[in-house]
Structures are given as structure tokens and as C-alpha cells.
Amino acid sequence: MAYKIDADQCRGCGACKENCPVEAIAQDGDKYKIDAATCVDCGTCAGSCPAGAIAAE
């Protein structure tokens, strides 16, 4: 199960991208999105998001 970023809650800080060990997160305009095919379900992104915008799908 991959993680997903709630675009409405994402502040665009980039903490998730900086902490992703497999580089599954990319900037999409002023927000970020997770590539489900690359995500290894480690949860590091969710733990590093100060806005709480990331959750398991």
C-alpha cells in the first residue's frame, strides 16, 4: 500500500521529498506527490510531514 499526499493539506515545504529514501516524491507545482510505483511503504514521508498531509492509501 503506497502513501498519498492530501493536496489540500500539503504546505509545499518539501520535508517529505528530502526524507524519502527511494526518491518517490516529486514536486507538482507548489505541492508534492508520491509515485505509487516507486514508494516502498516505509512511512518516512508521513513521519516527516509537519502538516500531517500524508497517509497510507
PDB file of N, CA and C in Angstrom:
ATOM      1  N   MET A   1       0.845  -1.175   0.000  1.00  0.00           N
ATOM      2  CA  MET A   1       0.000   0.000   0.000  1.00  0.00           C
ATOM      3  C   MET A   1       0.895   1.244   0.000  1.00  0.00           C
ATOM      4  N   ALA A   2       0.743   2.069  -0.987  1.00  0.00           N
ATOM      5  CA  ALA A   2       1.540   3.291  -1.092  1.00  0.00           C
ATOM      6  C   ALA A   2       0.948   4.399  -0.226  1.00  0.00           C
ATOM      7  N   TYR A   3       1.733   5.417  -0.023  1.00  0.00           N
ATOM      8  CA  TYR A   3       1.279   6.594   0.724  1.00  0.00           C
ATOM      9  C   TYR A   3       0.796   7.635  -0.267  1.00  0.00           C
ATOM     10  N   LYS A   4      -0.062   8.526   0.199  1.00  0.00           N
ATOM     11  CA  LYS A   4      -0.618   9.573  -0.659  1.00  0.00           C
ATOM     12  C   LYS A   4      -0.595  10.895   0.093  1.00  0.00           C
ATOM     13  N   ILE A   5      -0.328  11.963  -0.635  1.00  0.00           N
ATOM     14  CA  ILE A   5      -0.307  13.309  -0.064  1.00  0.00           C
ATOM     15  C   ILE A   5      -1.639  13.987  -0.351  1.00  0.00           C
ATOM     16  N   ASP A   6      -2.261  14.508   0.680  1.00  0.00           N
ATOM     17  CA  ASP A   6      -3.502  15.273   0.540  1.00  0.00           C
ATOM     18  C   ASP A   6      -3.107  16.676   0.077  1.00  0.00           C
ATOM     19  N   ALA A   7      -3.404  16.985  -1.176  1.00  0.00           N
ATOM     20  CA  ALA A   7      -3.002  18.265  -1.764  1.00  0.00           C
ATOM     21  C   ALA A   7      -3.587  19.463  -1.028  1.00  0.00           C
ATOM     22  N   ASP A   8      -4.745  19.293  -0.410  1.00  0.00           N
ATOM     23  CA  ASP A   8      -5.360  20.397   0.323  1.00  0.00           C
ATOM     24  C   ASP A   8      -4.607  20.711   1.613  1.00  0.00           C
ATOM     25  N   GLN A   9      -3.959  19.712   2.202  1.00  0.00           N
ATOM     26  CA  GLN A   9      -3.220  19.915   3.444  1.00  0.00           C
ATOM     27  C   GLN A   9      -1.738  20.200   3.215  1.00  0.00           C
ATOM     28  N   CYS A  10      -1.203  19.796   2.070  1.00  0.00           N
ATOM     29  CA  CYS A  10       0.226  19.973   1.777  1.00  0.00           C
ATOM     30  C   CYS A  10       0.585  21.457   1.753  1.00  0.00           C
ATOM     31  N   ARG A  11       1.636  21.807   2.489  1.00  0.00           N
ATOM     32  CA  ARG A  11       2.111  23.200   2.539  1.00  0.00           C
ATOM     33  C   ARG A  11       3.234  23.469   1.542  1.00  0.00           C
ATOM     34  N   GLY A  12       3.710  22.416   0.871  1.00  0.00           N
ATOM     35  CA  GLY A  12       4.766  22.581  -0.113  1.00  0.00           C
ATOM     36  C   GLY A  12       6.142  22.810   0.482  1.00  0.00           C
ATOM     37  N   CYS A  13       6.370  22.334   1.700  1.00  0.00           N
ATOM     38  CA  CYS A  13       7.650  22.585   2.376  1.00  0.00           C
ATOM     39  C   CYS A  13       8.788  21.697   1.862  1.00  0.00           C
ATOM     40  N   GLY A  14       8.452  20.515   1.337  1.00  0.00           N
ATOM     41  CA  GLY A  14       9.462  19.618   0.795  1.00  0.00           C
ATOM     42  C   GLY A  14      10.109  18.680   1.793  1.00  0.00           C
ATOM     43  N   ALA A  15       9.662  18.684   3.032  1.00  0.00           N
ATOM     44  CA  ALA A  15      10.252  17.792   4.041  1.00  0.00           C
ATOM     45  C   ALA A  15      10.108  16.332   3.630  1.00  0.00           C
ATOM     46  N   CYS A  16       8.986  15.983   3.042  1.00  0.00           N
ATOM     47  CA  CYS A  16       8.758  14.603   2.616  1.00  0.00           C
ATOM     48  C   CYS A  16       9.755  14.187   1.543  1.00  0.00           C
ATOM     49  N   LYS A  17       9.956  15.038   0.566  1.00  0.00           N
ATOM     50  CA  LYS A  17      10.882  14.741  -0.531  1.00  0.00           C
ATOM     51  C   LYS A  17      12.306  14.590  -0.013  1.00  0.00           C
ATOM     52  N   GLU A  18      12.715  15.463   0.875  1.00  0.00           N
ATOM     53  CA  GLU A  18      14.065  15.418   1.432  1.00  0.00           C
ATOM     54  C   GLU A  18      14.330  14.129   2.207  1.00  0.00           C
ATOM     55  N   ASN A  19      13.299  13.547   2.807  1.00  0.00           N
ATOM     56  CA  ASN A  19      13.468  12.377   3.657  1.00  0.00           C
ATOM     57  C   ASN A  19      13.133  11.052   2.988  1.00  0.00           C
ATOM     58  N   CYS A  20      12.611  11.059   1.785  1.00  0.00           N
ATOM     59  CA  CYS A  20      12.240   9.816   1.105  1.00  0.00           C
ATOM     60  C   CYS A  20      13.487   9.047   0.676  1.00  0.00           C
ATOM     61  N   PRO A  21      13.676   7.823   1.184  1.00  0.00           N
ATOM     62  CA  PRO A  21      14.887   7.062   0.867  1.00  0.00           C
ATOM     63  C   PRO A  21      14.949   6.519  -0.558  1.00  0.00           C
ATOM     64  N   VAL A  22      13.819   6.472  -1.264  1.00  0.00           N
ATOM     65  CA  VAL A  22      13.808   5.928  -2.621  1.00  0.00           C
ATOM     66  C   VAL A  22      13.441   6.971  -3.678  1.00  0.00           C
ATOM     67  N   GLU A  23      13.405   8.231  -3.278  1.00  0.00           N
ATOM     68  CA  GLU A  23      13.110   9.337  -4.191  1.00  0.00           C
ATOM     69  C   GLU A  23      11.796   9.141  -4.942  1.00  0.00           C
ATOM     70  N   ALA A  24      10.754   8.739  -4.203  1.00  0.00           N
ATOM     71  CA  ALA A  24       9.437   8.507  -4.795  1.00  0.00           C
ATOM     72  C   ALA A  24       8.574   9.757  -4.812  1.00  0.00           C
ATOM     73  N   ILE A  25       9.084  10.862  -4.291  1.00  0.00           N
ATOM     74  CA  ILE A  25       8.292  12.081  -4.179  1.00  0.00           C
ATOM     75  C   ILE A  25       8.841  13.158  -5.104  1.00  0.00           C
ATOM     76  N   ALA A  26       7.935  13.771  -5.853  1.00  0.00           N
ATOM     77  CA  ALA A  26       8.320  14.819  -6.793  1.00  0.00           C
ATOM     78  C   ALA A  26       7.443  16.043  -6.585  1.00  0.00           C
ATOM     79  N   GLN A  27       7.986  17.186  -6.927  1.00  0.00           N
ATOM     80  CA  GLN A  27       7.232  18.427  -6.830  1.00  0.00           C
ATOM     81  C   GLN A  27       6.239  18.485  -7.980  1.00  0.00           C
ATOM     82  N   ASP A  28       5.026  18.908  -7.673  1.00  0.00           N
ATOM     83  CA  ASP A  28       3.957  19.038  -8.657  1.00  0.00           C
ATOM     84  C   ASP A  28       3.362  20.428  -8.480  1.00  0.00           C
ATOM     85  N   GLY A  29       3.926  21.411  -9.153  1.00  0.00           N
ATOM     86  CA  GLY A  29       3.535  22.804  -8.952  1.00  0.00           C
ATOM     87  C   GLY A  29       4.082  23.280  -7.620  1.00  0.00           C
ATOM     88  N   ASP A  30       3.205  23.742  -6.735  1.00  0.00           N
ATOM     89  CA  ASP A  30       3.665  24.202  -5.432  1.00  0.00           C
ATOM     90  C   ASP A  30       3.419  23.145  -4.347  1.00  0.00           C
ATOM     91  N   LYS A  31       3.030  21.949  -4.752  1.00  0.00           N
ATOM     92  CA  LYS A  31       2.774  20.836  -3.832  1.00  0.00           C
ATOM     93  C   LYS A  31       3.675  19.663  -4.220  1.00  0.00           C
ATOM     94  N   TYR A  32       3.505  18.547  -3.547  1.00  0.00           N
ATOM     95  CA  TYR A  32       4.287  17.346  -3.831  1.00  0.00           C
ATOM     96  C   TYR A  32       3.362  16.169  -4.051  1.00  0.00           C
ATOM     97  N   LYS A  33       3.852  15.154  -4.786  1.00  0.00           N
ATOM     98  CA  LYS A  33       3.076  13.944  -4.995  1.00  0.00           C
ATOM     99  C   LYS A  33       4.004  12.735  -4.919  1.00  0.00           C
ATOM    100  N   ILE A  34       3.428  11.598  -4.574  1.00  0.00           N
ATOM    101  CA  ILE A  34       4.176  10.365  -4.399  1.00  0.00           C
ATOM    102  C   ILE A  34       3.900   9.434  -5.568  1.00  0.00           C
ATOM    103  N   ASP A  35       4.959   8.900  -6.166  1.00  0.00           N
ATOM    104  CA  ASP A  35       4.823   7.915  -7.228  1.00  0.00           C
ATOM    105  C   ASP A  35       4.586   6.560  -6.566  1.00  0.00           C
ATOM    106  N   ALA A  36       3.372   6.035  -6.679  1.00  0.00           N
ATOM    107  CA  ALA A  36       2.997   4.781  -6.017  1.00  0.00           C
ATOM    108  C   ALA A  36       3.846   3.603  -6.485  1.00  0.00           C
ATOM    109  N   ALA A  37       4.308   3.631  -7.724  1.00  0.00           N
ATOM    110  CA  ALA A  37       5.113   2.529  -8.249  1.00  0.00           C
ATOM    111  C   ALA A  37       6.511   2.500  -7.628  1.00  0.00           C
ATOM    112  N   THR A  38       7.000   3.644  -7.183  1.00  0.00           N
ATOM    113  CA  THR A  38       8.334   3.734  -6.588  1.00  0.00           C
ATOM    114  C   THR A  38       8.292   3.623  -5.067  1.00  0.00           C
ATOM    115  N   CYS A  39       7.198   4.033  -4.457  1.00  0.00           N
ATOM    116  CA  CYS A  39       7.043   4.033  -3.000  1.00  0.00           C
ATOM    117  C   CYS A  39       7.229   2.619  -2.437  1.00  0.00           C
ATOM    118  N   VAL A  40       8.012   2.501  -1.362  1.00  0.00           N
ATOM    119  CA  VAL A  40       8.251   1.203  -0.712  1.00  0.00           C
ATOM    120  C   VAL A  40       7.500   1.088   0.610  1.00  0.00           C
ATOM    121  N   ASP A  41       6.553   1.970   0.852  1.00  0.00           N
ATOM    122  CA  ASP A  41       5.675   1.920   2.024  1.00  0.00           C
ATOM    123  C   ASP A  41       6.419   1.995   3.356  1.00  0.00           C
ATOM    124  N   CYS A  42       7.494   2.756   3.421  1.00  0.00           N
ATOM    125  CA  CYS A  42       8.266   2.830   4.657  1.00  0.00           C
ATOM    126  C   CYS A  42       7.663   3.798   5.673  1.00  0.00           C
ATOM    127  N   GLY A  43       6.892   4.774   5.208  1.00  0.00           N
ATOM    128  CA  GLY A  43       6.246   5.724   6.107  1.00  0.00           C
ATOM    129  C   GLY A  43       7.109   6.894   6.540  1.00  0.00           C
ATOM    130  N   THR A  44       8.330   6.978   6.037  1.00  0.00           N
ATOM    131  CA  THR A  44       9.224   8.073   6.403  1.00  0.00           C
ATOM    132  C   THR A  44       8.623   9.425   6.041  1.00  0.00           C
ATOM    133  N   CYS A  45       7.978   9.499   4.905  1.00  0.00           N
ATOM    134  CA  CYS A  45       7.372  10.760   4.464  1.00  0.00           C
ATOM    135  C   CYS A  45       6.288  11.219   5.433  1.00  0.00           C
ATOM    136  N   ALA A  46       5.440  10.284   5.839  1.00  0.00           N
ATOM    137  CA  ALA A  46       4.347  10.633   6.764  1.00  0.00           C
ATOM    138  C   ALA A  46       4.901  11.133   8.095  1.00  0.00           C
ATOM    139  N   GLY A  47       5.962  10.516   8.551  1.00  0.00           N
ATOM    140  CA  GLY A  47       6.563  10.914   9.812  1.00  0.00           C
ATOM    141  C   GLY A  47       7.267  12.253   9.751  1.00  0.00           C
ATOM    142  N   SER A  48       7.666  12.676   8.556  1.00  0.00           N
ATOM    143  CA  SER A  48       8.408  13.925   8.430  1.00  0.00           C
ATOM    144  C   SER A  48       7.536  15.106   7.997  1.00  0.00           C
ATOM    145  N   CYS A  49       6.265  14.860   7.700  1.00  0.00           N
ATOM    146  CA  CYS A  49       5.370  15.927   7.240  1.00  0.00           C
ATOM    147  C   CYS A  49       4.828  16.731   8.414  1.00  0.00           C
ATOM    148  N   PRO A  50       5.196  18.015   8.513  1.00  0.00           N
ATOM    149  CA  PRO A  50       4.714  18.828   9.635  1.00  0.00           C
ATOM    150  C   PRO A  50       3.227  19.167   9.548  1.00  0.00           C
ATOM    151  N   ALA A  51       2.648  19.021   8.367  1.00  0.00           N
ATOM    152  CA  ALA A  51       1.231  19.355   8.179  1.00  0.00           C
ATOM    153  C   ALA A  51       0.328  18.132   8.361  1.00  0.00           C
ATOM    154  N   GLY A  52       0.924  16.952   8.483  1.00  0.00           N
ATOM    155  CA  GLY A  52       0.115  15.738   8.606  1.00  0.00           C
ATOM    156  C   GLY A  52      -0.672  15.440   7.339  1.00  0.00           C
ATOM    157  N   ALA A  53      -0.097  15.810   6.198  1.00  0.00           N
ATOM    158  CA  ALA A  53      -0.805  15.681   4.919  1.00  0.00           C
ATOM    159  C   ALA A  53      -0.600  14.344   4.229  1.00  0.00           C
ATOM    160  N   ILE A  54       0.154  13.429   4.829  1.00  0.00           N
ATOM    161  CA  ILE A  54       0.475  12.158   4.183  1.00  0.00           C
ATOM    162  C   ILE A  54      -0.080  11.005   4.994  1.00  0.00           C
ATOM    163  N   ALA A  55      -0.761  10.079   4.278  1.00  0.00           N
ATOM    164  CA  ALA A  55      -1.320   8.899   4.929  1.00  0.00           C
ATOM    165  C   ALA A  55      -1.267   7.722   3.969  1.00  0.00           C
ATOM    166  N   ALA A  56      -1.321   6.517   4.519  1.00  0.00           N
ATOM    167  CA  ALA A  56      -1.371   5.306   3.694  1.00  0.00           C
ATOM    168  C   ALA A  56      -2.696   5.277   2.941  1.00  0.00           C
ATOM    169  N   GLU A  57      -2.649   4.821   1.708  1.00  0.00           N
ATOM    170  CA  GLU A  57      -3.877   4.723   0.914  1.00  0.00           C
ATOM    171  C   GLU A  57      -4.677   3.518   1.363  1.00  0.00           C
TER     172      GLU A  57
END
